[in-house]
């Protein structure tokens, strides 16, 4: 009986030690499945991101909008003020996607993870709604590109802008303003929000704006 009791105590202690070790290691965070592109201010970024502690999600006609709790607590962040500035009905075109407004990062303004159907917008203290709307529109364009565009669509934009279509995507976290995907996304942001463009080729001209409207008249879009 004493031997059995000792064996039980040893197993219990070992199990407790293993559980404690697992708790210390924890979840290292979700690793994105290759962000096609991201809006940055010129610095390279890490590919990993931790889970976000968000307020209860609001579903906007298909896409889900989350706001990190710290943004609400520290600055009463209003996501609607940002969403209203994007003049394009994108939410219904991205069912199952999640857009999360998270605390600011020094290396990125936003990112898109198409494999996870996820967009993150990083909110810095100095950001106004118009700044965030430009980043949101840029990342939404990446998501729409990944879901709806094909090589022919990308070729049309590349030819119009004089871009090498073979260099469409950039490595996750990289500056994409000179790549095809980033040029398209930044031009979409100019078209839908009206802010300044950071694209290497500058803002789209009238003909390119007309092409954007044609390209982004997607199958389930209203009108």
Protein backbone atom coordinates (compact mmCIF):
# COMPACT_ATOMS: atom_id res chain seq x y z
CA UNK A 1 0.00 0.00 0.00
CA UNK A 2 2.83 2.38 0.85
CA UNK A 3 4.51 1.58 -2.46
CA UNK A 4 1.31 2.34 -4.40
CA UNK A 5 0.88 5.59 -2.51
CA UNK A 6 4.44 6.63 -3.28
CA UNK A 7 3.96 5.86 -6.98
CA UNK A 8 0.76 7.92 -7.04
CA UNK A 9 2.54 10.86 -5.36
CA UNK A 10 5.40 10.70 -7.88
CA UNK A 11 2.99 10.71 -10.82
CA UNK A 12 1.09 13.64 -9.30
CA UNK A 13 4.23 15.69 -8.79
CA UNK A 14 5.45 14.98 -12.33
CA UNK A 15 2.09 15.92 -13.81
CA UNK A 16 2.05 19.17 -11.83
CA UNK A 17 5.54 20.02 -13.04
CA UNK A 18 4.57 19.43 -16.66
CA UNK A 19 1.48 21.60 -16.35
CA UNK A 20 3.50 24.39 -14.73
CA UNK A 21 6.04 24.24 -17.56
CA UNK A 22 3.30 24.46 -20.16
CA UNK A 23 1.86 27.51 -18.46
CA UNK A 24 5.25 29.22 -18.44
CA UNK A 25 5.85 28.53 -22.14
CA UNK A 26 2.34 29.58 -23.10
CA UNK A 27 1.09 30.39 -26.60
CA UNK A 28 3.85 32.10 -28.58
CA UNK A 29 1.27 33.91 -30.65
CA UNK A 30 -0.26 33.29 -34.01
CA UNK A 31 2.18 33.29 -36.89
CA UNK A 32 0.59 34.78 -40.00
CA UNK A 33 0.43 32.53 -43.03
CA UNK A 34 2.32 34.98 -45.19
CA UNK A 35 0.97 38.49 -45.40
CA UNK A 36 0.90 39.44 -49.05
CA UNK A 37 1.73 43.04 -48.18
CA UNK A 38 1.43 45.64 -45.48
CA UNK A 39 1.33 49.40 -45.12
CA UNK A 40 4.47 50.53 -43.33
CA UNK A 41 6.58 53.61 -42.97
CA UNK A 42 9.64 52.08 -44.53
CA UNK A 43 10.84 49.72 -41.81
CA UNK A 44 10.80 45.96 -42.00
CA UNK A 45 8.50 44.16 -39.60
CA UNK A 46 8.28 40.91 -37.72
CA UNK A 47 6.02 38.26 -39.18
CA UNK A 48 4.51 37.18 -35.88
CA UNK A 49 1.66 38.75 -34.01
CA UNK A 50 0.10 37.97 -30.65
CA UNK A 51 -3.58 37.42 -30.06
CA UNK A 52 -5.51 40.64 -29.52
CA UNK A 53 -7.63 41.30 -26.44
CA UNK A 54 -10.60 42.86 -28.24
CA UNK A 55 -13.96 44.23 -27.21
CA UNK A 56 -16.99 42.21 -28.35
CA UNK A 57 -16.98 42.13 -32.13
CA UNK A 58 -19.45 43.96 -34.33
CA UNK A 59 -20.39 42.28 -37.60
CA UNK A 60 -20.64 44.79 -40.44
CA UNK A 61 -22.52 43.08 -43.28
CA UNK A 62 -20.12 40.15 -43.47
CA UNK A 63 -16.79 41.39 -42.11
CA UNK A 64 -16.19 41.52 -38.36
CA UNK A 65 -14.78 44.68 -36.76
CA UNK A 66 -12.80 44.34 -33.50
CA UNK A 67 -11.22 47.05 -31.36
CA UNK A 68 -8.49 46.26 -28.85
CA UNK A 69 -9.68 46.99 -25.33
CA UNK A 70 -6.75 49.26 -24.51
CA UNK A 71 -7.77 51.65 -27.28
CA UNK A 72 -11.22 52.03 -25.80
CA UNK A 73 -9.92 52.44 -22.26
CA UNK A 74 -7.08 54.86 -23.03
CA UNK A 75 -8.45 57.07 -25.78
CA UNK A 76 -12.13 56.17 -26.28
CA UNK A 77 -11.30 55.04 -29.80
CA UNK A 78 -14.23 55.24 -32.22
CA UNK A 79 -13.90 52.76 -35.08
CA UNK A 80 -17.05 54.07 -36.75
CA UNK A 81 -15.37 57.45 -37.29
CA UNK A 82 -12.72 55.63 -39.34
CA UNK A 83 -15.05 53.26 -41.18
CA UNK A 84 -17.32 56.10 -42.29
CA UNK A 85 -14.47 57.80 -44.13
CA UNK A 86 -13.94 54.91 -46.56
CA UNK A 87 -16.34 55.55 -49.43
CA UNK A 88 -16.70 51.97 -50.59
CA UNK A 89 -19.00 49.17 -49.42
CA UNK A 90 -16.30 46.61 -48.74
CA UNK A 91 -17.65 44.81 -45.68
CA UNK A 92 -20.11 42.60 -47.54
CA UNK A 93 -17.38 41.60 -49.99
CA UNK A 94 -15.23 40.05 -47.24
CA UNK A 95 -17.46 37.62 -45.32
CA UNK A 96 -15.55 35.71 -42.68
CA UNK A 97 -12.80 38.33 -42.50
CA UNK A 98 -11.87 40.15 -39.30
CA UNK A 99 -10.55 43.72 -39.15
CA UNK A 100 -8.95 44.59 -35.82
CA UNK A 101 -7.84 48.02 -34.63
CA UNK A 102 -4.86 47.42 -32.35
CA UNK A 103 -2.39 49.48 -30.34
CA UNK A 104 0.22 51.28 -32.42
CA UNK A 105 3.47 49.72 -33.61
CA UNK A 106 6.67 51.49 -34.58
CA UNK A 107 7.25 49.37 -37.66
CA UNK A 108 3.83 48.95 -39.27
CA UNK A 109 0.68 50.92 -39.93
CA UNK A 110 -1.34 47.89 -40.95
CA UNK A 111 -1.15 44.34 -42.28
CA UNK A 112 -3.21 41.81 -44.23
CA UNK A 113 -3.08 38.04 -43.70
CA UNK A 114 -5.08 36.52 -46.53
CA UNK A 115 -4.65 32.93 -45.36
CA UNK A 116 -6.27 33.84 -42.04
CA UNK A 117 -8.73 36.32 -43.57
CA UNK A 118 -7.47 38.96 -41.19
CA UNK A 119 -6.57 42.65 -41.34
CA UNK A 120 -4.94 44.63 -38.53
CA UNK A 121 -4.75 48.42 -38.26
CA UNK A 122 -2.22 49.79 -35.75
CA UNK A 123 -3.41 52.96 -34.02
CA UNK A 124 -0.73 55.39 -32.87
CA UNK A 125 -1.40 58.27 -30.51
CA UNK A 126 -0.91 60.86 -33.26
CA UNK A 127 -3.30 59.21 -35.68
CA UNK A 128 -6.47 60.99 -36.70
CA UNK A 129 -9.45 59.12 -38.20
CA UNK A 130 -8.42 60.20 -41.71
CA UNK A 131 -4.94 58.68 -41.25
CA UNK A 132 -6.42 55.40 -40.11
CA UNK A 133 -8.99 55.42 -42.90
CA UNK A 134 -6.17 55.57 -45.46
CA UNK A 135 -4.46 52.59 -43.83
CA UNK A 136 -7.74 50.69 -43.57
CA UNK A 137 -8.54 51.30 -47.25
CA UNK A 138 -5.02 50.22 -48.24
CA UNK A 139 -5.33 46.93 -46.33
CA UNK A 140 -8.90 46.32 -47.53
CA UNK A 141 -7.62 46.67 -51.09
CA UNK A 142 -5.04 43.94 -50.38
CA UNK A 143 -7.81 41.69 -49.07
CA UNK A 144 -10.02 42.34 -52.10
CA UNK A 145 -7.05 41.79 -54.39
CA UNK A 146 -6.31 38.42 -52.76
CA UNK A 147 -9.94 37.28 -52.91
CA UNK A 148 -11.23 38.63 -56.22
CA UNK A 149 -8.38 39.62 -58.53
CA UNK A 150 -6.67 37.37 -61.06
CA UNK A 151 -3.56 37.78 -63.17
CA UNK A 152 -5.49 39.61 -65.88
CA UNK A 153 -6.77 42.20 -63.41
CA UNK A 154 -3.29 42.76 -62.01
CA UNK A 155 -1.86 43.02 -65.52
CA UNK A 156 -4.35 45.77 -66.41
CA UNK A 157 -3.24 47.84 -63.44
CA UNK A 158 0.43 47.12 -64.01
CA UNK A 159 0.27 48.23 -67.64
CA UNK A 160 -1.63 51.40 -66.75
CA UNK A 161 0.94 52.34 -64.10
CA UNK A 162 4.05 51.02 -65.85
CA UNK A 163 4.77 48.44 -63.14
CA UNK A 164 6.54 45.10 -63.56
CA UNK A 165 3.62 42.74 -62.91
CA UNK A 166 6.01 39.94 -61.96
CA UNK A 167 6.82 41.89 -58.79
CA UNK A 168 3.29 42.19 -57.46
CA UNK A 169 3.65 41.04 -53.84
CA UNK A 170 6.33 41.85 -51.29
CA UNK A 171 7.58 39.78 -48.36
CA UNK A 172 5.35 39.95 -45.27
CA UNK A 173 5.93 43.16 -43.33
CA UNK A 174 7.90 44.87 -46.09
CA UNK A 175 7.32 48.30 -47.58
CA UNK A 176 5.03 47.75 -50.56
CA UNK A 177 4.63 51.27 -51.96
CA UNK A 178 6.76 50.47 -55.03
CA UNK A 179 5.26 47.01 -55.69
CA UNK A 180 2.18 46.36 -57.79
CA UNK A 181 0.02 45.25 -54.88
CA UNK A 182 0.96 48.26 -52.76
CA UNK A 183 0.56 50.72 -55.62
CA UNK A 184 -2.92 49.35 -56.28
CA UNK A 185 -3.80 49.43 -52.57
CA UNK A 186 -2.52 52.97 -52.05
CA UNK A 187 -4.33 54.16 -55.17
CA UNK A 188 -7.51 52.51 -53.88
CA UNK A 189 -7.06 54.42 -50.62
CA UNK A 190 -6.73 57.71 -52.50
CA UNK A 191 -9.84 56.87 -54.53
CA UNK A 192 -12.01 55.86 -51.57
CA UNK A 193 -10.72 58.21 -48.84
CA UNK A 194 -9.05 61.09 -50.65
CA UNK A 195 -5.90 61.38 -48.57
CA UNK A 196 -2.31 61.79 -49.79
CA UNK A 197 -0.60 58.89 -51.54
CA UNK A 198 2.65 57.32 -50.42
CA UNK A 199 2.92 55.20 -53.59
CA UNK A 200 6.28 55.49 -55.32
CA UNK A 201 4.49 56.51 -58.54
CA UNK A 202 2.32 59.09 -56.83
CA UNK A 203 -1.48 59.32 -56.87
CA UNK A 204 -3.55 57.89 -59.74
CA UNK A 205 -4.58 60.19 -62.56
CA UNK A 206 -8.13 60.47 -63.89
CA UNK A 207 -7.73 57.54 -66.27
CA UNK A 208 -6.31 55.34 -63.53
CA UNK A 209 -9.13 56.34 -61.18
CA UNK A 210 -11.59 55.20 -63.84
CA UNK A 211 -9.71 51.91 -64.11
CA UNK A 212 -9.87 51.50 -60.32
CA UNK A 213 -13.62 51.94 -60.39
CA UNK A 214 -13.87 49.28 -63.09
CA UNK A 215 -11.56 46.83 -61.31
CA UNK A 216 -13.30 47.24 -57.97
CA UNK A 217 -16.81 46.91 -59.36
CA UNK A 218 -16.90 43.40 -57.97
CA UNK A 219 -19.56 40.71 -58.46
CA UNK A 220 -21.43 41.22 -55.18
CA UNK A 221 -20.95 44.97 -54.91
CA UNK A 222 -24.08 47.10 -54.97
CA UNK A 223 -24.64 48.98 -58.19
